[in-house]
Amino acid sequence: MSLAGLGVCLALAFAGLAALALSLDRHHRAALRGPLPRGRARPLRIAGWAGLALSFAAAVASAGWNFGPVQATGAVTAAALAVSACLTYRPGWLRPAALAALPLAAALLPFALAA
């Protein structure tokens, strides 16, 4: 297990859970100050589940099948705490934070693969 692999897993889990949260009308209104457009919920759900699946794949790739699922569970738990804290205290920061998590994951990916 490497720190870069954990960072990739955590960033992807955060982006995925943020997309899933924004696919709900209540959280979309709080974060983006407007109603959820009719055709936007499904792409956000697909992106959210894809982010969680990629997070699991990154955890298994960096830590193997012995510890990877445990790492993925911990990363999803930490990301859920961060998303819920962001929605509670600063809902407007959720979208920029999720969009910043994707380049962070891409930047950490070469280090995670090298370890």
Protein backbone atom coordinates (compact mmCIF):
# COMPACT_ATOMS: atom_id res chain seq x y z
CA MET A 1 0.00 0.00 0.00
CA SER A 2 1.35 3.39 -0.94
CA LEU A 3 0.29 6.84 0.12
CA ALA A 4 -0.22 7.84 -3.51
CA GLY A 5 -2.50 4.85 -4.07
CA LEU A 6 -4.54 5.82 -1.05
CA GLY A 7 -4.73 9.39 -2.34
CA VAL A 8 -6.01 8.25 -5.73
CA CYS A 9 -8.59 6.02 -4.06
CA LEU A 10 -9.73 8.79 -1.72
CA ALA A 11 -9.94 11.44 -4.45
CA LEU A 12 -11.99 9.20 -6.74
CA ALA A 13 -14.30 8.19 -3.89
CA PHE A 14 -14.83 11.84 -2.97
CA ALA A 15 -15.64 12.81 -6.56
CA GLY A 16 -17.99 9.84 -6.92
CA LEU A 17 -19.86 10.51 -3.70
CA ALA A 18 -20.09 14.21 -4.52
CA ALA A 19 -21.64 13.37 -7.90
CA LEU A 20 -24.12 11.04 -6.20
CA ALA A 21 -25.00 13.76 -3.68
CA LEU A 22 -25.48 16.33 -6.44
CA SER A 23 -27.85 13.95 -8.23
CA LEU A 24 -30.33 14.50 -5.39
CA ASP A 25 -32.54 17.57 -5.70
CA ARG A 26 -32.07 18.70 -2.10
CA HIS A 27 -28.27 18.66 -2.23
CA HIS A 28 -28.23 20.12 -5.74
CA ARG A 29 -30.32 23.08 -4.55
CA ALA A 30 -28.05 23.62 -1.55
CA ALA A 31 -24.79 23.36 -3.47
CA LEU A 32 -25.67 25.04 -6.76
CA ARG A 33 -28.49 27.36 -5.65
CA GLY A 34 -30.94 26.05 -8.22
CA PRO A 35 -33.21 23.15 -9.02
CA LEU A 36 -31.88 19.96 -10.51
CA PRO A 37 -32.50 20.06 -14.27
CA ARG A 38 -34.56 17.20 -15.58
CA GLY A 39 -31.87 15.42 -17.57
CA ARG A 40 -28.95 15.91 -15.20
CA ALA A 41 -29.70 13.37 -12.45
CA ARG A 42 -28.92 10.24 -14.47
CA PRO A 43 -25.48 11.39 -15.75
CA LEU A 44 -24.55 12.44 -12.23
CA ARG A 45 -25.56 9.03 -10.87
CA ILE A 46 -23.59 7.25 -13.59
CA ALA A 47 -20.55 9.43 -12.89
CA GLY A 48 -20.89 8.82 -9.16
CA TRP A 49 -21.03 5.04 -9.44
CA ALA A 50 -18.20 5.10 -11.97
CA GLY A 51 -16.09 7.11 -9.53
CA LEU A 52 -16.74 4.61 -6.76
CA ALA A 53 -15.92 1.69 -9.07
CA LEU A 54 -12.68 3.36 -10.17
CA SER A 55 -11.85 4.03 -6.53
CA PHE A 56 -12.26 0.34 -5.74
CA ALA A 57 -10.16 -0.61 -8.78
CA ALA A 58 -7.41 1.81 -7.74
CA ALA A 59 -7.37 0.38 -4.23
CA VAL A 60 -7.10 -3.19 -5.51
CA ALA A 61 -4.41 -2.18 -8.02
CA SER A 62 -2.29 -0.44 -5.40
CA ALA A 63 -2.78 -2.78 -2.44
CA GLY A 64 -3.76 -6.09 -4.01
CA TRP A 65 -6.77 -8.26 -3.29
CA ASN A 66 -5.69 -8.91 0.29
CA PHE A 67 -5.88 -5.32 1.54
CA GLY A 68 -7.41 -3.42 -1.41
CA PRO A 69 -11.08 -3.89 -0.47
CA VAL A 70 -10.30 -2.79 3.08
CA GLN A 71 -8.53 0.30 1.75
CA ALA A 72 -11.46 1.04 -0.57
CA THR A 73 -13.93 0.76 2.31
CA GLY A 74 -11.88 3.14 4.42
CA ALA A 75 -11.50 5.61 1.56
CA VAL A 76 -15.24 5.60 0.87
CA THR A 77 -15.94 6.14 4.56
CA ALA A 78 -13.53 9.08 4.76
CA ALA A 79 -14.90 10.54 1.52
CA ALA A 80 -18.47 10.22 2.79
CA LEU A 81 -17.48 12.10 5.95
CA ALA A 82 -15.86 14.84 3.85
CA VAL A 83 -18.85 15.13 1.49
CA SER A 84 -21.34 15.27 4.36
CA ALA A 85 -19.24 17.87 6.19
CA CYS A 86 -19.01 19.93 3.02
CA LEU A 87 -22.77 19.71 2.46
CA THR A 88 -23.44 20.65 6.07
CA TYR A 89 -21.11 23.61 6.49
CA ARG A 90 -20.17 24.87 3.02
CA PRO A 91 -22.47 23.37 0.36
CA GLY A 92 -21.21 25.77 -2.30
CA TRP A 93 -17.74 24.25 -2.03
CA LEU A 94 -18.84 20.73 -2.98
CA ARG A 95 -18.73 21.13 -6.75
CA PRO A 96 -15.32 22.88 -6.89
CA ALA A 97 -13.88 20.37 -4.42
CA ALA A 98 -15.14 17.43 -6.46
CA LEU A 99 -13.80 18.95 -9.67
CA ALA A 100 -10.43 19.53 -7.97
CA ALA A 101 -10.31 15.92 -6.77
CA LEU A 102 -10.23 14.56 -10.33
CA PRO A 103 -6.97 16.27 -11.43
CA LEU A 104 -5.49 15.38 -8.06
CA ALA A 105 -6.25 11.72 -8.69
CA ALA A 106 -4.77 11.97 -12.17
CA ALA A 107 -1.63 13.64 -10.79
CA LEU A 108 -1.15 10.96 -8.13
CA LEU A 109 -1.81 8.06 -10.48
CA PRO A 110 1.75 7.74 -11.89
CA PHE A 111 3.17 7.66 -8.37
CA ALA A 112 0.63 5.06 -7.32
CA LEU A 113 1.46 2.84 -10.29
CA ALA A 114 5.20 3.17 -9.71
CA ALA A 115 5.00 2.04 -6.09
